[in-house]
PDB file of N, CA and C in Angstrom:
ATOM      1  N   UNK A   1      20.390 -31.908 -38.470  1.00  0.00           N
ATOM      2  CA  UNK A   1      19.483 -32.032 -37.309  1.00  0.00           C
ATOM      3  C   UNK A   1      18.194 -31.597 -37.793  1.00  0.00           C
ATOM      4  N   UNK A   2      17.021 -31.779 -37.414  1.00  0.00           N
ATOM      5  CA  UNK A   2      15.685 -31.111 -37.949  1.00  0.00           C
ATOM      6  C   UNK A   2      15.325 -29.966 -37.070  1.00  0.00           C
ATOM      7  N   UNK A   3      14.519 -28.843 -37.537  1.00  0.00           N
ATOM      8  CA  UNK A   3      13.864 -27.762 -36.768  1.00  0.00           C
ATOM      9  C   UNK A   3      13.430 -28.575 -35.718  1.00  0.00           C
ATOM     10  N   UNK A   4      12.515 -29.218 -35.647  1.00  0.00           N
ATOM     11  CA  UNK A   4      11.671 -29.762 -34.598  1.00  0.00           C
ATOM     12  C   UNK A   4      12.235 -30.634 -33.246  1.00  0.00           C
ATOM     13  N   UNK A   5      13.700 -31.332 -33.772  1.00  0.00           N
ATOM     14  CA  UNK A   5      14.189 -31.629 -32.762  1.00  0.00           C
ATOM     15  C   UNK A   5      14.918 -30.921 -31.802  1.00  0.00           C
ATOM     16  N   UNK A   6      15.693 -29.665 -32.622  1.00  0.00           N
ATOM     17  CA  UNK A   6      16.048 -28.426 -31.721  1.00  0.00           C
ATOM     18  C   UNK A   6      14.988 -27.269 -31.037  1.00  0.00           C
ATOM     19  N   UNK A   7      14.048 -27.145 -31.649  1.00  0.00           N
ATOM     20  CA  UNK A   7      12.735 -26.810 -30.679  1.00  0.00           C
ATOM     21  C   UNK A   7      12.307 -27.949 -29.511  1.00  0.00           C
ATOM     22  N   UNK A   8      12.478 -29.011 -29.738  1.00  0.00           N
ATOM     23  CA  UNK A   8      11.961 -30.127 -28.636  1.00  0.00           C
ATOM     24  C   UNK A   8      13.362 -29.636 -27.653  1.00  0.00           C
ATOM     25  N   UNK A   9      14.509 -29.872 -28.017  1.00  0.00           N
ATOM     26  CA  UNK A   9      15.789 -29.502 -27.104  1.00  0.00           C
ATOM     27  C   UNK A   9      15.728 -28.084 -26.251  1.00  0.00           C
ATOM     28  N   UNK A  10      15.288 -27.552 -27.206  1.00  0.00           N
ATOM     29  CA  UNK A  10      14.979 -26.401 -26.745  1.00  0.00           C
ATOM     30  C   UNK A  10      13.864 -26.197 -25.478  1.00  0.00           C
ATOM     31  N   UNK A  11      13.199 -26.753 -25.577  1.00  0.00           N
ATOM     32  CA  UNK A  11      11.512 -26.829 -24.380  1.00  0.00           C
ATOM     33  C   UNK A  11      12.213 -28.095 -23.426  1.00  0.00           C
ATOM     34  N   UNK A  12      12.729 -28.791 -24.126  1.00  0.00           N
ATOM     35  CA  UNK A  12      13.117 -29.533 -22.879  1.00  0.00           C
ATOM     36  C   UNK A  12      13.899 -28.665 -21.518  1.00  0.00           C
ATOM     37  N   UNK A  13      15.423 -27.995 -22.323  1.00  0.00           N
ATOM     38  CA  UNK A  13      16.343 -27.497 -21.555  1.00  0.00           C
ATOM     39  C   UNK A  13      14.925 -26.355 -20.568  1.00  0.00           C
ATOM     40  N   UNK A  14      14.562 -25.466 -21.400  1.00  0.00           N
ATOM     41  CA  UNK A  14      13.849 -24.208 -20.901  1.00  0.00           C
ATOM     42  C   UNK A  14      12.554 -24.941 -19.633  1.00  0.00           C
ATOM     43  N   UNK A  15      12.511 -25.907 -19.495  1.00  0.00           N
ATOM     44  CA  UNK A  15      11.072 -26.631 -18.646  1.00  0.00           C
ATOM     45  C   UNK A  15      12.013 -27.148 -17.742  1.00  0.00           C
ATOM     46  N   UNK A  16      13.719 -27.527 -18.130  1.00  0.00           N
ATOM     47  CA  UNK A  16      14.460 -27.940 -17.115  1.00  0.00           C
ATOM     48  C   UNK A  16      14.650 -26.747 -16.435  1.00  0.00           C
ATOM     49  N   UNK A  17      14.951 -26.032 -16.555  1.00  0.00           N
ATOM     50  CA  UNK A  17      15.661 -24.576 -15.869  1.00  0.00           C
ATOM     51  C   UNK A  17      14.081 -24.115 -15.326  1.00  0.00           C
ATOM     52  N   UNK A  18      13.261 -23.871 -16.321  1.00  0.00           N
ATOM     53  CA  UNK A  18      11.960 -22.767 -15.668  1.00  0.00           C
ATOM     54  C   UNK A  18      11.405 -23.588 -14.203  1.00  0.00           C
ATOM     55  N   UNK A  19      11.352 -25.353 -14.497  1.00  0.00           N
ATOM     56  CA  UNK A  19      10.668 -25.959 -13.238  1.00  0.00           C
ATOM     57  C   UNK A  19      11.039 -26.469 -12.527  1.00  0.00           C
ATOM     58  N   UNK A  20      12.685 -27.078 -12.788  1.00  0.00           N
ATOM     59  CA  UNK A  20      13.472 -28.071 -11.787  1.00  0.00           C
ATOM     60  C   UNK A  20      14.323 -26.994 -10.938  1.00  0.00           C
ATOM     61  N   UNK A  21      14.787 -25.608 -11.740  1.00  0.00           N
ATOM     62  CA  UNK A  21      15.494 -24.808 -10.874  1.00  0.00           C
ATOM     63  C   UNK A  21      14.799 -24.255  -9.505  1.00  0.00           C
ATOM     64  N   UNK A  22      13.627 -23.746  -9.393  1.00  0.00           N
ATOM     65  CA  UNK A  22      12.978 -23.402  -8.351  1.00  0.00           C
ATOM     66  C   UNK A  22      12.364 -24.965  -7.491  1.00  0.00           C
ATOM     67  N   UNK A  23      12.259 -26.059  -7.619  1.00  0.00           N
ATOM     68  CA  UNK A  23      12.399 -27.281  -7.152  1.00  0.00           C
ATOM     69  C   UNK A  23      13.332 -27.553  -6.282  1.00  0.00           C
ATOM     70  N   UNK A  24      14.553 -27.511  -7.115  1.00  0.00           N
ATOM     71  CA  UNK A  24      15.856 -27.851  -6.509  1.00  0.00           C
ATOM     72  C   UNK A  24      15.832 -26.530  -5.324  1.00  0.00           C
ATOM     73  N   UNK A  25      15.649 -25.237  -5.489  1.00  0.00           N
ATOM     74  CA  UNK A  25      15.664 -24.288  -4.282  1.00  0.00           C
ATOM     75  C   UNK A  25      14.829 -25.215  -3.069  1.00  0.00           C
ATOM     76  N   UNK A  26      13.755 -24.782  -3.454  1.00  0.00           N
ATOM     77  CA  UNK A  26      12.514 -25.251  -2.513  1.00  0.00           C
ATOM     78  C   UNK A  26      12.988 -26.527  -1.445  1.00  0.00           C
ATOM     79  N   UNK A  27      13.503 -27.497  -2.803  1.00  0.00           N
ATOM     80  CA  UNK A  27      14.097 -28.531  -1.778  1.00  0.00           C
ATOM     81  C   UNK A  27      15.088 -28.809  -0.961  1.00  0.00           C
ATOM     82  N   UNK A  28      16.370 -27.911  -1.490  1.00  0.00           N
ATOM     83  CA  UNK A  28      17.421 -27.798  -0.536  1.00  0.00           C
ATOM     84  C   UNK A  28      17.265 -26.393   0.970  1.00  0.00           C
ATOM     85  N   UNK A  29      16.397 -25.690   0.531  1.00  0.00           N
ATOM     86  CA  UNK A  29      16.552 -24.389   1.475  1.00  0.00           C
ATOM     87  C   UNK A  29      15.952 -25.163   2.709  1.00  0.00           C
ATOM     88  N   UNK A  30      16.281 -24.326   3.793  1.00  0.00           N
ATOM     89  CA  UNK A  30      15.823 -24.871   5.211  1.00  0.00           C
ATOM     90  C   UNK A  30      14.744 -23.751   5.751  1.00  0.00           C
ATOM     91  N   UNK A  31      13.672 -25.239   6.435  1.00  0.00           N
ATOM     92  CA  UNK A  31      12.193 -23.946   6.626  1.00  0.00           C
ATOM     93  C   UNK A  31      13.028 -22.856   7.973  1.00  0.00           C
ATOM     94  N   UNK A  32      12.086 -21.834   8.278  1.00  0.00           N
ATOM     95  CA  UNK A  32      12.461 -20.954   9.488  1.00  0.00           C
ATOM     96  C   UNK A  32      12.715 -21.988  10.624  1.00  0.00           C
ATOM     97  N   UNK A  33      12.134 -23.012  10.940  1.00  0.00           N
ATOM     98  CA  UNK A  33      12.159 -23.487  11.825  1.00  0.00           C
ATOM     99  C   UNK A  33      13.184 -24.320  12.081  1.00  0.00           C
ATOM    100  N   UNK A  34      14.039 -24.643  10.973  1.00  0.00           N
ATOM    101  CA  UNK A  34      14.569 -25.937  10.743  1.00  0.00           C
ATOM    102  C   UNK A  34      16.104 -24.395  11.123  1.00  0.00           C
ATOM    103  N   UNK A  35      16.194 -23.612  10.511  1.00  0.00           N
ATOM    104  CA  UNK A  35      16.958 -22.822  10.164  1.00  0.00           C
ATOM    105  C   UNK A  35      17.385 -22.199  12.032  1.00  0.00           C
ATOM    106  N   UNK A  36      16.488 -21.860  12.601  1.00  0.00           N
ATOM    107  CA  UNK A  36      16.447 -21.414  14.281  1.00  0.00           C
ATOM    108  C   UNK A  36      16.876 -22.286  14.986  1.00  0.00           C
ATOM    109  N   UNK A  37      16.724 -24.103  14.921  1.00  0.00           N
ATOM    110  CA  UNK A  37      17.050 -24.844  15.540  1.00  0.00           C
ATOM    111  C   UNK A  37      18.181 -25.370  15.272  1.00  0.00           C
ATOM    112  N   UNK A  38      19.033 -24.569  14.175  1.00  0.00           N
ATOM    113  CA  UNK A  38      20.577 -24.334  13.916  1.00  0.00           C
ATOM    114  C   UNK A  38      21.536 -23.373  15.145  1.00  0.00           C
ATOM    115  N   UNK A  39      20.633 -22.372  15.409  1.00  0.00           N
ATOM    116  CA  UNK A  39      21.550 -21.826  16.155  1.00  0.00           C
ATOM    117  C   UNK A  39      21.942 -21.995  17.399  1.00  0.00           C
ATOM    118  N   UNK A  40      22.896 -21.242  17.890  1.00  0.00           N
ATOM    119  CA  UNK A  40      23.315 -21.806  19.351  1.00  0.00           C
ATOM    120  C   UNK A  40      22.128 -21.165  20.519  1.00  0.00           C
ATOM    121  N   UNK A  41      21.894 -21.792  21.521  1.00  0.00           N
ATOM    122  CA  UNK A  41      20.912 -21.486  22.731  1.00  0.00           C
ATOM    123  C   UNK A  41      21.118 -19.832  22.613  1.00  0.00           C
ATOM    124  N   UNK A  42      22.505 -19.216  22.869  1.00  0.00           N
ATOM    125  CA  UNK A  42      22.492 -17.798  22.838  1.00  0.00           C
ATOM    126  C   UNK A  42      21.406 -16.828  22.333  1.00  0.00           C
ATOM    127  N   UNK A  43      22.009 -17.412  20.526  1.00  0.00           N
ATOM    128  CA  UNK A  43      21.116 -16.734  19.321  1.00  0.00           C
ATOM    129  C   UNK A  43      20.002 -17.033  19.362  1.00  0.00           C
ATOM    130  N   UNK A  44      19.390 -18.141  19.803  1.00  0.00           N
ATOM    131  CA  UNK A  44      17.773 -18.555  19.746  1.00  0.00           C
ATOM    132  C   UNK A  44      17.406 -17.610  21.021  1.00  0.00           C
ATOM    133  N   UNK A  45      17.778 -17.333  21.759  1.00  0.00           N
ATOM    134  CA  UNK A  45      17.651 -16.439  22.924  1.00  0.00           C
ATOM    135  C   UNK A  45      17.490 -14.980  22.791  1.00  0.00           C
ATOM    136  N   UNK A  46      18.322 -14.559  22.240  1.00  0.00           N
ATOM    137  CA  UNK A  46      18.899 -12.941  21.867  1.00  0.00           C
ATOM    138  C   UNK A  46      17.806 -13.067  20.609  1.00  0.00           C
ATOM    139  N   UNK A  47      17.409 -13.822  19.816  1.00  0.00           N
ATOM    140  CA  UNK A  47      16.495 -13.724  18.528  1.00  0.00           C
ATOM    141  C   UNK A  47      15.336 -13.403  19.002  1.00  0.00           C
ATOM    142  N   UNK A  48      14.603 -14.183  20.242  1.00  0.00           N
ATOM    143  CA  UNK A  48      13.462 -14.508  20.545  1.00  0.00           C
ATOM    144  C   UNK A  48      13.259 -12.873  21.566  1.00  0.00           C
ATOM    145  N   UNK A  49      14.349 -12.848  21.958  1.00  0.00           N
ATOM    146  CA  UNK A  49      14.241 -11.188  22.972  1.00  0.00           C
ATOM    147  C   UNK A  49      13.906 -10.132  22.162  1.00  0.00           C
ATOM    148  N   UNK A  50      14.564 -10.233  20.780  1.00  0.00           N
ATOM    149  CA  UNK A  50      14.642  -9.236  19.947  1.00  0.00           C
ATOM    150  C   UNK A  50      13.113  -9.027  18.833  1.00  0.00           C
ATOM    151  N   UNK A  51      12.370 -10.189  19.001  1.00  0.00           N
ATOM    152  CA  UNK A  51      11.801 -10.441  17.991  1.00  0.00           C
ATOM    153  C   UNK A  51      10.589  -9.557  17.904  1.00  0.00           C
ATOM    154  N   UNK A  52      10.135  -9.045  19.117  1.00  0.00           N
ATOM    155  CA  UNK A  52       8.978  -7.910  19.553  1.00  0.00           C
ATOM    156  C   UNK A  52       9.526  -6.661  18.287  1.00  0.00           C
ATOM    157  N   UNK A  53      10.759  -6.267  18.371  1.00  0.00           N
ATOM    158  CA  UNK A  53      11.478  -4.649  18.214  1.00  0.00           C
ATOM    159  C   UNK A  53      11.956  -4.937  16.761  1.00  0.00           C
ATOM    160  N   UNK A  54      11.971  -5.826  16.314  1.00  0.00           N
ATOM    161  CA  UNK A  54      12.089  -6.208  14.738  1.00  0.00           C
ATOM    162  C   UNK A  54      10.638  -5.720  13.989  1.00  0.00           C
ATOM    163  N   UNK A  55       9.667  -6.872  14.641  1.00  0.00           N
ATOM    164  CA  UNK A  55       8.369  -6.534  14.397  1.00  0.00           C
ATOM    165  C   UNK A  55       7.900  -5.157  14.588  1.00  0.00           C
ATOM    166  N   UNK A  56       7.951  -4.278  15.349  1.00  0.00           N
ATOM    167  CA  UNK A  56       7.801  -3.301  15.693  1.00  0.00           C
ATOM    168  C   UNK A  56       8.353  -2.062  14.108  1.00  0.00           C
ATOM    169  N   UNK A  57       9.637  -2.588  14.176  1.00  0.00           N
ATOM    170  CA  UNK A  57      10.377  -1.451  13.324  1.00  0.00           C
ATOM    171  C   UNK A  57      10.352  -1.756  11.609  1.00  0.00           C
ATOM    172  N   UNK A  58       9.149  -3.191  11.306  1.00  0.00           N
ATOM    173  CA  UNK A  58       8.967  -3.887  10.005  1.00  0.00           C
ATOM    174  C   UNK A  58       7.744  -3.079   9.878  1.00  0.00           C
ATOM    175  N   UNK A  59       6.767  -2.731  10.932  1.00  0.00           N
ATOM    176  CA  UNK A  59       5.245  -2.343  11.139  1.00  0.00           C
ATOM    177  C   UNK A  59       5.628  -0.475  10.521  1.00  0.00           C
ATOM    178  N   UNK A  60       6.761   0.314  11.660  1.00  0.00           N
ATOM    179  CA  UNK A  60       6.642   1.813  11.320  1.00  0.00           C
ATOM    180  C   UNK A  60       7.199   1.552   9.658  1.00  0.00           C
ATOM    181  N   UNK A  61       8.171   0.969   9.236  1.00  0.00           N
ATOM    182  CA  UNK A  61       9.072   1.043   7.994  1.00  0.00           C
ATOM    183  C   UNK A  61       7.598   0.667   6.651  1.00  0.00           C
ATOM    184  N   UNK A  62       6.865  -0.163   7.052  1.00  0.00           N
ATOM    185  CA  UNK A  62       5.532  -0.474   6.252  1.00  0.00           C
ATOM    186  C   UNK A  62       4.545   0.445   5.813  1.00  0.00           C
ATOM    187  N   UNK A  63       4.421   1.009   7.426  1.00  0.00           N
ATOM    188  CA  UNK A  63       3.955   2.579   7.403  1.00  0.00           C
ATOM    189  C   UNK A  63       3.783   3.346   6.635  1.00  0.00           C
ATOM    190  N   UNK A  64       5.209   3.423   6.873  1.00  0.00           N
ATOM    191  CA  UNK A  64       6.603   4.760   6.444  1.00  0.00           C
ATOM    192  C   UNK A  64       5.677   4.566   4.851  1.00  0.00           C
ATOM    193  N   UNK A  65       6.345   3.696   4.145  1.00  0.00           N
ATOM    194  CA  UNK A  65       6.097   3.576   2.768  1.00  0.00           C
ATOM    195  C   UNK A  65       5.267   2.915   2.090  1.00  0.00           C
ATOM    196  N   UNK A  66       3.682   3.197   2.630  1.00  0.00           N
ATOM    197  CA  UNK A  66       2.581   3.458   2.514  1.00  0.00           C
ATOM    198  C   UNK A  66       1.792   4.769   2.469  1.00  0.00           C
ATOM    199  N   UNK A  67       2.580   5.468   3.368  1.00  0.00           N
ATOM    200  CA  UNK A  67       2.322   6.608   3.436  1.00  0.00           C
ATOM    201  C   UNK A  67       3.019   7.330   2.395  1.00  0.00           C
ATOM    202  N   UNK A  68       4.352   7.354   2.201  1.00  0.00           N
ATOM    203  CA  UNK A  68       5.022   7.919   1.204  1.00  0.00           C
ATOM    204  C   UNK A  68       4.792   7.398  -0.304  1.00  0.00           C
ATOM    205  N   UNK A  69       3.850   6.405  -0.469  1.00  0.00           N
ATOM    206  CA  UNK A  69       3.568   5.667  -1.603  1.00  0.00           C
ATOM    207  C   UNK A  69       2.494   6.645  -2.184  1.00  0.00           C
ATOM    208  N   UNK A  70       1.443   7.364  -1.193  1.00  0.00           N
ATOM    209  CA  UNK A  70       0.227   7.892  -1.121  1.00  0.00           C
ATOM    210  C   UNK A  70       0.789   9.165  -2.027  1.00  0.00           C
ATOM    211  N   UNK A  71       2.089   9.414  -1.735  1.00  0.00           N
ATOM    212  CA  UNK A  71       2.173  11.131  -2.201  1.00  0.00           C
ATOM    213  C   UNK A  71       2.874  11.191  -3.525  1.00  0.00           C
ATOM    214  N   UNK A  72       2.678  11.986  -4.552  1.00  0.00           N
ATOM    215  CA  UNK A  72       3.195  12.062  -5.747  1.00  0.00           C
ATOM    216  C   UNK A  72       4.747  12.521  -6.128  1.00  0.00           C
ATOM    217  N   UNK A  73       4.928  12.835  -4.303  1.00  0.00           N
ATOM    218  CA  UNK A  73       6.481  13.314  -4.334  1.00  0.00           C
ATOM    219  C   UNK A  73       7.292  12.482  -4.538  1.00  0.00           C
ATOM    220  N   UNK A  74       9.111  12.292  -4.708  1.00  0.00           N
ATOM    221  CA  UNK A  74       9.822  11.113  -4.720  1.00  0.00           C
ATOM    222  C   UNK A  74       9.914  10.805  -2.958  1.00  0.00           C
ATOM    223  N   UNK A  75      10.253   9.502  -2.599  1.00  0.00           N
ATOM    224  CA  UNK A  75      10.515   9.021  -1.357  1.00  0.00           C
ATOM    225  C   UNK A  75      11.085   9.909  -0.547  1.00  0.00           C
ATOM    226  N   UNK A  76      12.678  10.649  -1.055  1.00  0.00           N
ATOM    227  CA  UNK A  76      13.793  11.208  -0.605  1.00  0.00           C
ATOM    228  C   UNK A  76      12.837  12.797  -0.292  1.00  0.00           C
ATOM    229  N   UNK A  77      11.933  13.081  -1.106  1.00  0.00           N
ATOM    230  CA  UNK A  77      11.242  14.425  -0.761  1.00  0.00           C
ATOM    231  C   UNK A  77      10.062  14.358   0.456  1.00  0.00           C
ATOM    232  N   UNK A  78       9.384  13.113   0.283  1.00  0.00           N
ATOM    233  CA  UNK A  78       8.572  13.122   1.384  1.00  0.00           C
ATOM    234  C   UNK A  78       9.070  12.528   2.598  1.00  0.00           C
ATOM    235  N   UNK A  79      10.114  11.974   2.859  1.00  0.00           N
ATOM    236  CA  UNK A  79      10.649  11.503   4.172  1.00  0.00           C
ATOM    237  C   UNK A  79      11.600  12.526   4.743  1.00  0.00           C
ATOM    238  N   UNK A  80      11.742  13.609   4.111  1.00  0.00           N
ATOM    239  CA  UNK A  80      12.479  14.778   4.168  1.00  0.00           C
ATOM    240  C   UNK A  80      11.668  16.094   5.091  1.00  0.00           C
ATOM    241  N   UNK A  81      10.270  15.539   3.906  1.00  0.00           N
ATOM    242  CA  UNK A  81       9.546  16.365   4.590  1.00  0.00           C
ATOM    243  C   UNK A  81       9.160  16.010   5.906  1.00  0.00           C
ATOM    244  N   UNK A  82       8.620  14.869   6.605  1.00  0.00           N
ATOM    245  CA  UNK A  82       8.077  14.169   7.487  1.00  0.00           C
ATOM    246  C   UNK A  82       9.034  14.387   8.630  1.00  0.00           C
ATOM    247  N   UNK A  83      10.525  14.185   8.158  1.00  0.00           N
ATOM    248  CA  UNK A  83      11.429  14.551   9.227  1.00  0.00           C
ATOM    249  C   UNK A  83      11.536  16.010   9.789  1.00  0.00           C
ATOM    250  N   UNK A  84      11.329  17.107   8.722  1.00  0.00           N
ATOM    251  CA  UNK A  84      11.034  18.342   9.211  1.00  0.00           C
ATOM    252  C   UNK A  84       9.486  18.517  10.111  1.00  0.00           C
ATOM    253  N   UNK A  85       8.694  17.980   9.446  1.00  0.00           N
ATOM    254  CA  UNK A  85       7.417  18.203  10.441  1.00  0.00           C
ATOM    255  C   UNK A  85       7.920  17.613  11.658  1.00  0.00           C
ATOM    256  N   UNK A  86       8.367  16.576  11.971  1.00  0.00           N
ATOM    257  CA  UNK A  86       8.432  16.110  13.538  1.00  0.00           C
ATOM    258  C   UNK A  86       9.557  16.810  14.250  1.00  0.00           C
ATOM    259  N   UNK A  87      10.576  17.017  13.468  1.00  0.00           N
ATOM    260  CA  UNK A  87      11.484  18.810  14.147  1.00  0.00           C
ATOM    261  C   UNK A  87      10.621  19.337  14.496  1.00  0.00           C
ATOM    262  N   UNK A  88       9.726  19.787  13.482  1.00  0.00           N
ATOM    263  CA  UNK A  88       8.930  21.262  13.798  1.00  0.00           C
ATOM    264  C   UNK A  88       7.948  20.533  15.504  1.00  0.00           C
ATOM    265  N   UNK A  89       7.603  20.131  15.265  1.00  0.00           N
ATOM    266  CA  UNK A  89       6.629  19.274  16.505  1.00  0.00           C
ATOM    267  C   UNK A  89       7.632  19.613  17.661  1.00  0.00           C
ATOM    268  N   UNK A  90       8.822  18.443  17.684  1.00  0.00           N
ATOM    269  CA  UNK A  90       9.645  18.386  18.847  1.00  0.00           C
ATOM    270  C   UNK A  90      10.226  19.991  19.439  1.00  0.00           C
ATOM    271  N   UNK A  91      10.477  20.591  18.390  1.00  0.00           N
ATOM    272  CA  UNK A  91      10.858  22.192  19.075  1.00  0.00           C
ATOM    273  C   UNK A  91       9.257  22.549  19.636  1.00  0.00           C
ATOM    274  N   UNK A  92       8.426  22.617  19.170  1.00  0.00           N
ATOM    275  CA  UNK A  92       6.899  23.559  19.606  1.00  0.00           C
ATOM    276  C   UNK A  92       6.774  22.619  20.992  1.00  0.00           C
ATOM    277  N   UNK A  93       6.745  21.606  21.137  1.00  0.00           N
ATOM    278  CA  UNK A  93       6.557  20.813  22.459  1.00  0.00           C
ATOM    279  C   UNK A  93       7.893  21.572  23.292  1.00  0.00           C
ATOM    280  N   UNK A  94       9.381  21.787  23.101  1.00  0.00           N
ATOM    281  CA  UNK A  94      10.261  22.247  23.788  1.00  0.00           C
ATOM    282  C   UNK A  94       9.773  23.492  24.048  1.00  0.00           C
ATOM    283  N   UNK A  95       9.543  24.610  23.505  1.00  0.00           N
ATOM    284  CA  UNK A  95       9.277  25.785  24.042  1.00  0.00           C
ATOM    285  C   UNK A  95       7.951  25.651  25.045  1.00  0.00           C
ATOM    286  N   UNK A  96       6.881  24.568  24.437  1.00  0.00           N
ATOM    287  CA  UNK A  96       6.180  24.840  25.675  1.00  0.00           C
ATOM    288  C   UNK A  96       6.465  24.462  27.138  1.00  0.00           C
ATOM    289  N   UNK A  97       7.079  23.412  26.795  1.00  0.00           N
ATOM    290  CA  UNK A  97       7.602  22.978  28.534  1.00  0.00           C
ATOM    291  C   UNK A  97       8.681  24.145  28.710  1.00  0.00           C
ATOM    292  N   UNK A  98       9.201  24.693  27.826  1.00  0.00           N
ATOM    293  CA  UNK A  98      10.368  25.768  28.356  1.00  0.00           C
ATOM    294  C   UNK A  98       9.235  26.688  29.190  1.00  0.00           C
ATOM    295  N   UNK A  99       8.073  27.100  28.667  1.00  0.00           N
ATOM    296  CA  UNK A  99       7.492  27.700  29.315  1.00  0.00           C
ATOM    297  C   UNK A  99       6.812  27.685  30.335  1.00  0.00           C
ATOM    298  N   UNK A 100       6.497  26.375  30.086  1.00  0.00           N
ATOM    299  CA  UNK A 100       5.881  26.420  31.715  1.00  0.00           C
ATOM    300  C   UNK A 100       6.399  26.231  33.082  1.00  0.00           C
ATOM    301  N   UNK A 101       8.237  25.742  32.728  1.00  0.00           N
ATOM    302  CA  UNK A 101       9.199  26.010  33.657  1.00  0.00           C
ATOM    303  C   UNK A 101       9.230  27.079  33.957  1.00  0.00           C
ATOM    304  N   UNK A 102       9.793  28.232  33.311  1.00  0.00           N
ATOM    305  CA  UNK A 102       9.379  29.468  33.417  1.00  0.00           C
ATOM    306  C   UNK A 102       8.441  30.039  34.363  1.00  0.00           C
ATOM    307  N   UNK A 103       7.260  29.617  34.070  1.00  0.00           N
ATOM    308  CA  UNK A 103       6.335  29.945  34.422  1.00  0.00           C
ATOM    309  C   UNK A 103       6.510  29.660  36.265  1.00  0.00           C
ATOM    310  N   UNK A 104       6.135  28.183  36.046  1.00  0.00           N
ATOM    311  CA  UNK A 104       6.981  27.390  37.646  1.00  0.00           C
ATOM    312  C   UNK A 104       7.968  28.214  38.111  1.00  0.00           C
ATOM    313  N   UNK A 105       8.893  28.619  37.859  1.00  0.00           N
ATOM    314  CA  UNK A 105      10.449  29.530  38.564  1.00  0.00           C
ATOM    315  C   UNK A 105       9.399  30.956  38.575  1.00  0.00           C
ATOM    316  N   UNK A 106       8.661  31.654  38.016  1.00  0.00           N
ATOM    317  CA  UNK A 106       8.209  32.864  38.337  1.00  0.00           C
ATOM    318  C   UNK A 106       7.875  32.537  39.384  1.00  0.00           C
ATOM    319  N   UNK A 107       6.486  31.971  39.622  1.00  0.00           N
ATOM    320  CA  UNK A 107       5.934  31.715  40.409  1.00  0.00           C
ATOM    321  C   UNK A 107       6.509  31.535  41.632  1.00  0.00           C
ATOM    322  N   UNK A 108       7.558  30.585  42.004  1.00  0.00           N
ATOM    323  CA  UNK A 108       8.331  30.136  43.210  1.00  0.00           C
ATOM    324  C   UNK A 108       9.056  31.360  43.346  1.00  0.00           C
ATOM    325  N   UNK A 109       9.618  32.184  42.352  1.00  0.00           N
ATOM    326  CA  UNK A 109      10.241  33.520  43.053  1.00  0.00           C
ATOM    327  C   UNK A 109       9.610  34.273  43.734  1.00  0.00           C
ATOM    328  N   UNK A 110       7.838  34.442  43.012  1.00  0.00           N
ATOM    329  CA  UNK A 110       7.485  35.104  43.631  1.00  0.00           C
ATOM    330  C   UNK A 110       7.154  34.724  44.801  1.00  0.00           C
ATOM    331  N   UNK A 111       6.435  33.385  45.143  1.00  0.00           N
ATOM    332  CA  UNK A 111       6.414  33.137  46.581  1.00  0.00           C
ATOM    333  C   UNK A 111       7.496  32.979  47.619  1.00  0.00           C
ATOM    334  N   UNK A 112       8.770  33.380  47.184  1.00  0.00           N
ATOM    335  CA  UNK A 112       9.885  33.155  48.158  1.00  0.00           C
ATOM    336  C   UNK A 112      10.091  34.940  48.250  1.00  0.00           C
ATOM    337  N   UNK A 113       9.289  35.420  47.538  1.00  0.00           N
ATOM    338  CA  UNK A 113       9.492  36.674  48.034  1.00  0.00           C
ATOM    339  C   UNK A 113       8.640  37.163  48.643  1.00  0.00           C
ATOM    340  N   UNK A 114       7.133  36.767  48.486  1.00  0.00           N
ATOM    341  CA  UNK A 114       6.149  37.417  49.324  1.00  0.00           C
ATOM    342  C   UNK A 114       6.791  36.865  50.838  1.00  0.00           C
ATOM    343  N   UNK A 115       7.430  35.353  50.972  1.00  0.00           N
ATOM    344  CA  UNK A 115       7.314  34.784  51.993  1.00  0.00           C
ATOM    345  C   UNK A 115       8.587  35.488  52.969  1.00  0.00           C
ATOM    346  N   UNK A 116       9.324  36.518  52.261  1.00  0.00           N
ATOM    347  CA  UNK A 116      10.303  37.053  53.043  1.00  0.00           C
ATOM    348  C   UNK A 116       9.544  38.107  54.017  1.00  0.00           C
TER     349      UNK A 116
END
């Protein structure tokens, strides 16, 4: 067999795999609408109800990934840093709320003692 014939077979196999494979996958894969129609009505209803939550989760995830990609630190370090910052904000908010409650309680005690 000549080299030209071998190269022609290799080119045919390459084109068959690189073009034919994706074409077959495109043909046999159902669209999102067709797949949704195959769900039973309960699944369709639940899917529609949970769509806003899934979209919100995806947007949050994408925003975090964009924020983490701006940092030179590894993602897990940036995530831990963000978690620590959120925890500190929560603790600060709780301490402020505790101070307000204590001030209200002290004011009520003073009011109660003044009423006696």
